[in-house]
């Protein structure tokens, strides 16, 4: 999650998604991830207080500031480089599952937030952003504990 002053995604030289002030969400589905976990993550993203209030404290959410949300799929966040110099992506969800979860997140975000833009799942994208702060927050929702 990156707080941005502006961000946009290009594919083949064409802008496909663009926001002003808001959040750039780089989203990765890993094996075993569920829609319920994705919903919890989205709820956290929308309520995360990382925008400044009148006193300059991080006390406002993207919803509070009326900011945009740019959601971009990025399977490389599942990279494991512990075994050598070439990252392994075995923890990334299979493309069908990744697409399904990505589309679920986008659909839910559009239902809950007025300004949602996206990249394109599986495309070669160029992501441009002006990181504000910089503020970058990694978010991960742990799966429910085994009973």
N, C-alpha and C. Protein backbone atom coordinates (compact mmCIF):
# COMPACT_ATOMS: atom_id res chain seq x y z
N UNK A 1 0.85 -1.16 0.00
CA UNK A 1 0.00 0.00 0.00
C UNK A 1 0.90 1.22 0.00
N UNK A 2 0.70 2.12 -0.97
CA UNK A 2 1.48 3.33 -1.04
C UNK A 2 0.55 4.53 -1.08
N UNK A 3 0.83 5.47 -0.18
CA UNK A 3 0.09 6.73 -0.19
C UNK A 3 0.68 7.57 -1.31
N UNK A 4 -0.17 8.06 -2.21
CA UNK A 4 0.32 8.77 -3.38
C UNK A 4 -0.35 10.13 -3.53
N UNK A 5 0.38 11.01 -4.18
CA UNK A 5 -0.22 12.29 -4.60
C UNK A 5 -0.90 12.11 -5.94
N UNK A 6 -0.37 11.15 -6.74
CA UNK A 6 -0.96 10.79 -8.03
C UNK A 6 -0.34 9.47 -8.46
N UNK A 7 -1.09 8.70 -9.24
CA UNK A 7 -0.57 7.44 -9.77
C UNK A 7 -1.38 7.07 -11.01
N UNK A 8 -0.69 6.41 -11.94
CA UNK A 8 -1.40 5.89 -13.12
C UNK A 8 -0.69 4.65 -13.65
N UNK A 9 -1.44 3.88 -14.41
CA UNK A 9 -0.94 2.64 -15.00
C UNK A 9 -1.05 2.76 -16.51
N UNK A 10 0.04 2.41 -17.19
CA UNK A 10 0.06 2.38 -18.65
C UNK A 10 0.22 0.95 -19.14
N UNK A 11 -0.46 0.65 -20.23
CA UNK A 11 -0.28 -0.61 -20.96
C UNK A 11 -0.13 -0.23 -22.42
N UNK A 12 0.98 -0.63 -23.02
CA UNK A 12 1.26 -0.30 -24.42
C UNK A 12 1.10 1.20 -24.70
N UNK A 13 1.56 2.03 -23.76
CA UNK A 13 1.52 3.48 -23.95
C UNK A 13 0.18 4.13 -23.68
N UNK A 14 -0.83 3.35 -23.31
CA UNK A 14 -2.16 3.88 -23.03
C UNK A 14 -2.43 3.85 -21.53
N UNK A 15 -2.90 4.97 -20.99
CA UNK A 15 -3.27 5.00 -19.57
C UNK A 15 -4.57 4.23 -19.39
N UNK A 16 -4.54 3.23 -18.48
CA UNK A 16 -5.73 2.41 -18.24
C UNK A 16 -6.36 2.67 -16.88
N UNK A 17 -5.63 3.28 -15.98
CA UNK A 17 -6.15 3.61 -14.66
C UNK A 17 -5.35 4.77 -14.09
N UNK A 18 -6.05 5.72 -13.44
CA UNK A 18 -5.36 6.92 -12.97
C UNK A 18 -6.11 7.50 -11.78
N UNK A 19 -5.35 7.93 -10.75
CA UNK A 19 -5.94 8.62 -9.60
C UNK A 19 -5.08 9.82 -9.23
N UNK A 20 -5.67 10.72 -8.48
CA UNK A 20 -4.91 11.80 -7.85
C UNK A 20 -4.50 11.33 -6.47
N UNK A 21 -4.73 12.14 -5.45
CA UNK A 21 -4.41 11.77 -4.09
C UNK A 21 -5.15 10.49 -3.72
N UNK A 22 -4.45 9.56 -3.09
CA UNK A 22 -5.08 8.32 -2.68
C UNK A 22 -4.09 7.23 -2.37
N UNK A 23 -4.50 6.00 -2.65
CA UNK A 23 -3.68 4.83 -2.36
C UNK A 23 -3.46 4.00 -3.61
N UNK A 24 -2.22 3.60 -3.81
CA UNK A 24 -1.88 2.61 -4.82
C UNK A 24 -1.76 1.29 -4.09
N UNK A 25 -2.62 0.35 -4.44
CA UNK A 25 -2.62 -0.96 -3.80
C UNK A 25 -2.06 -1.98 -4.78
N UNK A 26 -0.87 -2.49 -4.46
CA UNK A 26 -0.27 -3.56 -5.24
C UNK A 26 -0.73 -4.86 -4.59
N UNK A 27 -1.50 -5.66 -5.33
CA UNK A 27 -2.21 -6.81 -4.76
C UNK A 27 -1.65 -8.12 -5.30
N UNK A 28 -1.38 -9.03 -4.37
CA UNK A 28 -0.87 -10.36 -4.74
C UNK A 28 -1.70 -11.42 -4.04
N UNK A 29 -2.21 -12.36 -4.81
CA UNK A 29 -2.91 -13.51 -4.24
C UNK A 29 -1.92 -14.65 -4.11
N UNK A 30 -1.89 -15.27 -2.94
CA UNK A 30 -1.03 -16.42 -2.71
C UNK A 30 -1.88 -17.67 -2.57
N UNK A 31 -1.25 -18.81 -2.71
CA UNK A 31 -1.95 -20.08 -2.61
C UNK A 31 -2.73 -20.14 -1.31
N UNK A 32 -3.98 -20.55 -1.40
CA UNK A 32 -4.82 -20.71 -0.23
C UNK A 32 -5.56 -19.46 0.20
N UNK A 33 -5.27 -18.31 -0.40
CA UNK A 33 -5.99 -17.09 -0.04
C UNK A 33 -7.47 -17.23 -0.38
N UNK A 34 -8.31 -16.59 0.42
CA UNK A 34 -9.76 -16.70 0.24
C UNK A 34 -10.40 -15.33 0.03
N UNK A 35 -11.64 -15.35 -0.43
CA UNK A 35 -12.39 -14.11 -0.59
C UNK A 35 -12.62 -13.44 0.77
N UNK A 36 -12.82 -14.23 1.82
CA UNK A 36 -13.01 -13.65 3.15
C UNK A 36 -11.76 -12.90 3.60
N UNK A 37 -10.57 -13.45 3.34
CA UNK A 37 -9.33 -12.75 3.67
C UNK A 37 -9.18 -11.48 2.84
N UNK A 38 -9.55 -11.58 1.56
CA UNK A 38 -9.48 -10.41 0.68
C UNK A 38 -10.42 -9.31 1.18
N UNK A 39 -11.60 -9.69 1.64
CA UNK A 39 -12.55 -8.71 2.18
C UNK A 39 -12.00 -8.02 3.42
N UNK A 40 -11.35 -8.78 4.30
CA UNK A 40 -10.74 -8.20 5.51
C UNK A 40 -9.62 -7.23 5.12
N UNK A 41 -8.84 -7.62 4.14
CA UNK A 41 -7.74 -6.76 3.69
C UNK A 41 -8.28 -5.46 3.10
N UNK A 42 -9.30 -5.55 2.27
CA UNK A 42 -9.90 -4.36 1.68
C UNK A 42 -10.49 -3.44 2.76
N UNK A 43 -11.15 -4.02 3.75
CA UNK A 43 -11.70 -3.22 4.85
C UNK A 43 -10.57 -2.47 5.57
N UNK A 44 -9.45 -3.13 5.77
CA UNK A 44 -8.29 -2.49 6.41
C UNK A 44 -7.76 -1.37 5.53
N UNK A 45 -7.65 -1.61 4.23
CA UNK A 45 -7.14 -0.59 3.31
C UNK A 45 -8.00 0.67 3.37
N UNK A 46 -9.30 0.50 3.35
CA UNK A 46 -10.21 1.65 3.31
C UNK A 46 -10.23 2.42 4.63
N UNK A 47 -9.91 1.77 5.73
CA UNK A 47 -9.96 2.42 7.05
C UNK A 47 -8.59 2.81 7.58
N UNK A 48 -7.51 2.37 6.93
CA UNK A 48 -6.16 2.62 7.40
C UNK A 48 -5.89 4.11 7.49
N UNK A 49 -5.53 4.59 8.66
CA UNK A 49 -5.35 6.02 8.90
C UNK A 49 -3.90 6.41 8.62
N UNK A 50 -3.62 6.70 7.34
CA UNK A 50 -2.25 7.07 6.95
C UNK A 50 -2.19 8.41 6.22
N UNK A 51 -3.28 9.16 6.26
CA UNK A 51 -3.31 10.51 5.70
C UNK A 51 -3.31 11.50 6.86
N UNK A 52 -2.67 12.63 6.66
CA UNK A 52 -2.50 13.62 7.72
C UNK A 52 -3.79 14.36 8.02
N UNK A 53 -3.97 14.64 9.31
CA UNK A 53 -5.08 15.50 9.74
C UNK A 53 -4.57 16.94 9.80
N UNK A 54 -5.35 17.85 10.35
CA UNK A 54 -4.98 19.27 10.40
C UNK A 54 -3.72 19.52 11.22
N UNK A 55 -3.40 18.62 12.16
CA UNK A 55 -2.20 18.77 12.98
C UNK A 55 -0.99 18.04 12.37
N UNK A 56 -1.17 17.45 11.20
CA UNK A 56 -0.07 16.75 10.54
C UNK A 56 0.14 15.33 11.02
N UNK A 57 -0.78 14.79 11.81
CA UNK A 57 -0.68 13.41 12.30
C UNK A 57 -1.42 12.47 11.35
N UNK A 58 -0.87 11.29 11.16
CA UNK A 58 -1.55 10.29 10.33
C UNK A 58 -2.79 9.83 11.10
N UNK A 59 -3.92 10.39 10.73
CA UNK A 59 -5.14 10.16 11.48
C UNK A 59 -6.37 10.04 10.59
N UNK A 60 -6.16 10.08 9.27
CA UNK A 60 -7.29 10.04 8.34
C UNK A 60 -7.11 8.91 7.34
N UNK A 61 -8.22 8.33 6.92
CA UNK A 61 -8.20 7.23 5.95
C UNK A 61 -8.42 7.76 4.54
N UNK A 62 -8.25 6.90 3.56
CA UNK A 62 -8.52 7.28 2.16
C UNK A 62 -9.98 7.69 2.01
N UNK A 63 -10.86 7.07 2.77
CA UNK A 63 -12.27 7.46 2.73
C UNK A 63 -12.46 8.84 3.34
N UNK A 64 -11.76 9.12 4.43
CA UNK A 64 -11.88 10.42 5.09
C UNK A 64 -11.44 11.56 4.18
N UNK A 65 -10.39 11.33 3.38
CA UNK A 65 -9.86 12.40 2.52
C UNK A 65 -10.47 12.41 1.13
N UNK A 66 -11.37 11.45 0.85
CA UNK A 66 -11.99 11.39 -0.48
C UNK A 66 -11.00 11.03 -1.56
N UNK A 67 -9.98 10.25 -1.21
CA UNK A 67 -8.94 9.88 -2.17
C UNK A 67 -9.33 8.72 -3.06
N UNK A 68 -8.54 8.54 -4.09
CA UNK A 68 -8.75 7.45 -5.02
C UNK A 68 -8.05 6.18 -4.58
N UNK A 69 -8.41 5.09 -5.19
CA UNK A 69 -7.79 3.79 -4.95
C UNK A 69 -7.43 3.20 -6.31
N UNK A 70 -6.14 2.98 -6.53
CA UNK A 70 -5.65 2.37 -7.77
C UNK A 70 -5.18 0.97 -7.41
N UNK A 71 -5.87 -0.05 -7.92
CA UNK A 71 -5.58 -1.44 -7.58
C UNK A 71 -4.86 -2.10 -8.75
N UNK A 72 -3.65 -2.61 -8.46
CA UNK A 72 -2.80 -3.21 -9.49
C UNK A 72 -2.37 -4.59 -9.03
N UNK A 73 -2.58 -5.61 -9.88
CA UNK A 73 -2.14 -6.96 -9.54
C UNK A 73 -0.62 -7.05 -9.69
N UNK A 74 0.03 -7.72 -8.73
CA UNK A 74 1.48 -7.85 -8.79
C UNK A 74 1.90 -9.16 -8.11
N UNK A 75 1.93 -10.25 -8.90
CA UNK A 75 2.25 -11.56 -8.35
C UNK A 75 3.66 -11.63 -7.79
N UNK A 76 4.56 -10.74 -8.22
CA UNK A 76 5.95 -10.80 -7.75
C UNK A 76 6.08 -10.50 -6.27
N UNK A 77 5.04 -10.00 -5.63
CA UNK A 77 5.08 -9.80 -4.18
C UNK A 77 5.17 -11.13 -3.45
N UNK A 78 4.87 -12.23 -4.12
CA UNK A 78 4.97 -13.56 -3.51
C UNK A 78 6.36 -14.16 -3.68
N UNK A 79 7.31 -13.38 -4.19
CA UNK A 79 8.66 -13.88 -4.46
C UNK A 79 9.35 -14.38 -3.20
N UNK A 80 10.07 -15.48 -3.37
CA UNK A 80 10.95 -16.00 -2.32
C UNK A 80 12.35 -16.06 -2.91
N UNK A 81 13.23 -15.20 -2.42
CA UNK A 81 14.60 -15.15 -2.92
C UNK A 81 15.59 -15.75 -1.94
N UNK A 82 15.10 -16.56 -1.00
CA UNK A 82 15.97 -17.12 0.04
C UNK A 82 16.84 -18.26 -0.47
N UNK A 83 16.47 -18.88 -1.58
CA UNK A 83 17.19 -20.06 -2.05
C UNK A 83 18.27 -19.80 -3.09
N UNK A 84 18.49 -18.60 -3.45
CA UNK A 84 19.49 -18.31 -4.48
C UNK A 84 19.25 -16.95 -5.08
N UNK A 85 19.76 -16.77 -6.28
CA UNK A 85 19.66 -15.47 -6.94
C UNK A 85 18.46 -15.34 -7.86
N UNK A 86 17.75 -16.41 -8.10
CA UNK A 86 16.55 -16.36 -8.93
C UNK A 86 15.33 -16.57 -8.05
N UNK A 87 14.45 -15.58 -7.95
CA UNK A 87 13.30 -15.73 -7.06
C UNK A 87 12.37 -16.87 -7.50
N UNK A 88 11.78 -17.49 -6.52
CA UNK A 88 10.76 -18.51 -6.75
C UNK A 88 9.39 -17.87 -6.50
N UNK A 89 8.43 -18.25 -7.31
CA UNK A 89 7.08 -17.69 -7.16
C UNK A 89 6.07 -18.79 -6.84
N UNK A 90 6.53 -19.87 -6.21
CA UNK A 90 5.66 -21.01 -5.94
C UNK A 90 4.53 -20.68 -4.97
N UNK A 91 4.70 -19.64 -4.15
CA UNK A 91 3.64 -19.26 -3.21
C UNK A 91 2.54 -18.44 -3.88
N UNK A 92 2.80 -17.90 -5.06
CA UNK A 92 1.77 -17.14 -5.77
C UNK A 92 0.63 -18.07 -6.16
N UNK A 93 -0.57 -17.54 -6.10
CA UNK A 93 -1.74 -18.32 -6.53
C UNK A 93 -1.62 -18.62 -8.03
N UNK A 94 -2.20 -19.71 -8.44
CA UNK A 94 -2.26 -20.01 -9.87
C UNK A 94 -3.00 -18.86 -10.56
N UNK A 95 -2.70 -18.61 -11.84
CA UNK A 95 -3.30 -17.45 -12.51
C UNK A 95 -4.83 -17.40 -12.43
N UNK A 96 -5.51 -18.54 -12.54
CA UNK A 96 -6.98 -18.53 -12.49
C UNK A 96 -7.47 -18.06 -11.12
N UNK A 97 -6.85 -18.58 -10.06
CA UNK A 97 -7.24 -18.19 -8.70
C UNK A 97 -6.85 -16.74 -8.43
N UNK A 98 -5.68 -16.34 -8.89
CA UNK A 98 -5.23 -14.96 -8.71
C UNK A 98 -6.17 -13.97 -9.38
N UNK A 99 -6.58 -14.29 -10.62
CA UNK A 99 -7.51 -13.42 -11.34
C UNK A 99 -8.85 -13.33 -10.61
N UNK A 100 -9.34 -14.47 -10.16
CA UNK A 100 -10.62 -14.50 -9.46
C UNK A 100 -10.59 -13.62 -8.21
N UNK A 101 -9.52 -13.73 -7.41
CA UNK A 101 -9.41 -12.93 -6.20
C UNK A 101 -9.19 -11.45 -6.51
N UNK A 102 -8.38 -11.17 -7.52
CA UNK A 102 -8.16 -9.78 -7.92
C UNK A 102 -9.48 -9.14 -8.35
N UNK A 103 -10.23 -9.83 -9.19
CA UNK A 103 -11.52 -9.30 -9.65
C UNK A 103 -12.51 -9.15 -8.50
N UNK A 104 -12.45 -10.05 -7.53
CA UNK A 104 -13.30 -9.93 -6.34
C UNK A 104 -12.95 -8.66 -5.57
N UNK A 105 -11.66 -8.42 -5.35
CA UNK A 105 -11.22 -7.22 -4.63
C UNK A 105 -11.68 -5.97 -5.36
N UNK A 106 -11.50 -5.94 -6.67
CA UNK A 106 -11.91 -4.76 -7.45
C UNK A 106 -13.42 -4.55 -7.35
N UNK A 107 -14.19 -5.62 -7.51
CA UNK A 107 -15.65 -5.51 -7.43
C UNK A 107 -16.09 -4.99 -6.06
N UNK A 108 -15.51 -5.54 -5.00
CA UNK A 108 -15.87 -5.11 -3.65
C UNK A 108 -15.44 -3.66 -3.41
N UNK A 109 -14.26 -3.30 -3.88
CA UNK A 109 -13.77 -1.93 -3.71
C UNK A 109 -14.73 -0.95 -4.40
N UNK A 110 -15.16 -1.28 -5.60
CA UNK A 110 -16.08 -0.40 -6.32
C UNK A 110 -17.43 -0.28 -5.63
N UNK A 111 -17.80 -1.32 -4.92
CA UNK A 111 -19.06 -1.29 -4.17
C UNK A 111 -18.94 -0.40 -2.93
N UNK A 112 -17.73 -0.35 -2.34
CA UNK A 112 -17.53 0.34 -1.07
C UNK A 112 -16.89 1.72 -1.17
N UNK A 113 -16.28 2.04 -2.31
CA UNK A 113 -15.52 3.29 -2.42
C UNK A 113 -15.83 3.95 -3.75
N UNK A 114 -15.98 5.27 -3.78
CA UNK A 114 -16.43 5.94 -5.01
C UNK A 114 -15.40 6.06 -6.13
N UNK A 115 -14.11 6.09 -5.80
CA UNK A 115 -13.08 6.30 -6.83
C UNK A 115 -12.13 5.11 -6.84
N UNK A 116 -12.37 4.19 -7.77
CA UNK A 116 -11.53 2.99 -7.90
C UNK A 116 -11.11 2.84 -9.35
N UNK A 117 -9.81 2.77 -9.55
CA UNK A 117 -9.24 2.52 -10.87
C UNK A 117 -8.36 1.27 -10.76
N UNK A 118 -8.02 0.68 -11.92
CA UNK A 118 -7.26 -0.56 -11.89
C UNK A 118 -6.22 -0.60 -13.00
N UNK A 119 -5.33 -1.57 -12.84
CA UNK A 119 -4.48 -2.00 -13.93
C UNK A 119 -5.23 -3.11 -14.65
N UNK A 120 -4.48 -4.01 -15.29
CA UNK A 120 -5.09 -5.14 -15.98
C UNK A 120 -4.37 -6.41 -15.54
N UNK A 121 -5.11 -7.35 -15.01
CA UNK A 121 -4.51 -8.57 -14.49
C UNK A 121 -3.69 -9.27 -15.58
N UNK A 122 -2.46 -9.62 -15.24
CA UNK A 122 -1.60 -10.37 -16.15
C UNK A 122 -0.91 -9.56 -17.23
N UNK A 123 -1.21 -8.28 -17.33
CA UNK A 123 -0.62 -7.45 -18.39
C UNK A 123 0.77 -6.97 -17.98
N UNK A 124 1.57 -6.61 -18.98
CA UNK A 124 2.85 -5.94 -18.74
C UNK A 124 2.52 -4.47 -18.55
N UNK A 125 2.60 -4.00 -17.32
CA UNK A 125 2.16 -2.65 -16.97
C UNK A 125 3.34 -1.80 -16.55
N UNK A 126 3.23 -0.52 -16.80
CA UNK A 126 4.16 0.46 -16.26
C UNK A 126 3.35 1.28 -15.26
N UNK A 127 3.80 1.25 -14.00
CA UNK A 127 3.09 1.94 -12.93
C UNK A 127 3.88 3.19 -12.57
N UNK A 128 3.23 4.34 -12.69
CA UNK A 128 3.84 5.62 -12.39
C UNK A 128 3.19 6.16 -11.12
N UNK A 129 4.01 6.69 -10.21
CA UNK A 129 3.43 7.23 -8.99
C UNK A 129 4.31 8.31 -8.40
N UNK A 130 3.66 9.19 -7.67
CA UNK A 130 4.35 10.14 -6.83
C UNK A 130 4.01 9.72 -5.41
N UNK A 131 4.96 9.00 -4.79
CA UNK A 131 4.76 8.49 -3.44
C UNK A 131 4.79 9.66 -2.48
N UNK A 132 3.77 9.78 -1.67
CA UNK A 132 3.62 10.92 -0.76
C UNK A 132 4.20 10.57 0.59
N UNK A 133 5.31 11.17 0.93
CA UNK A 133 5.91 10.98 2.25
C UNK A 133 7.40 10.67 2.19
N UNK A 134 7.84 9.56 1.70
CA UNK A 134 7.06 8.42 1.20
C UNK A 134 6.42 7.63 2.34
N UNK A 135 5.21 7.16 2.05
CA UNK A 135 4.51 6.28 2.98
C UNK A 135 4.17 5.01 2.22
N UNK A 136 4.77 3.91 2.66
CA UNK A 136 4.51 2.59 2.09
C UNK A 136 4.26 1.63 3.24
N UNK A 137 3.11 0.98 3.23
CA UNK A 137 2.69 0.10 4.33
C UNK A 137 2.40 -1.29 3.77
N UNK A 138 3.18 -2.30 4.18
CA UNK A 138 2.82 -3.67 3.75
C UNK A 138 1.65 -4.18 4.59
N UNK A 139 0.67 -4.77 3.94
CA UNK A 139 -0.48 -5.34 4.64
C UNK A 139 -0.63 -6.81 4.28
N UNK A 140 -0.91 -7.61 5.26
CA UNK A 140 -1.17 -9.03 5.05
C UNK A 140 -2.18 -9.45 6.09
N UNK A 141 -3.19 -10.13 5.67
CA UNK A 141 -4.19 -10.65 6.60
C UNK A 141 -3.85 -12.11 6.83
N UNK A 142 -3.59 -12.44 8.07
CA UNK A 142 -3.27 -13.84 8.40
C UNK A 142 -4.52 -14.69 8.27
N UNK A 143 -4.34 -15.92 7.77
CA UNK A 143 -5.50 -16.81 7.71
C UNK A 143 -5.99 -17.14 9.12
N UNK A 144 -7.26 -17.51 9.25
CA UNK A 144 -7.79 -17.83 10.58
C UNK A 144 -6.99 -18.99 11.20
N UNK A 145 -6.84 -18.95 12.51
CA UNK A 145 -6.12 -20.02 13.21
C UNK A 145 -6.89 -21.33 13.10
N UNK A 146 -6.14 -22.41 13.01
CA UNK A 146 -6.78 -23.73 12.92
C UNK A 146 -7.49 -24.04 14.22
N UNK A 147 -8.65 -24.66 14.09
CA UNK A 147 -9.44 -24.97 15.29
C UNK A 147 -8.99 -26.23 15.95
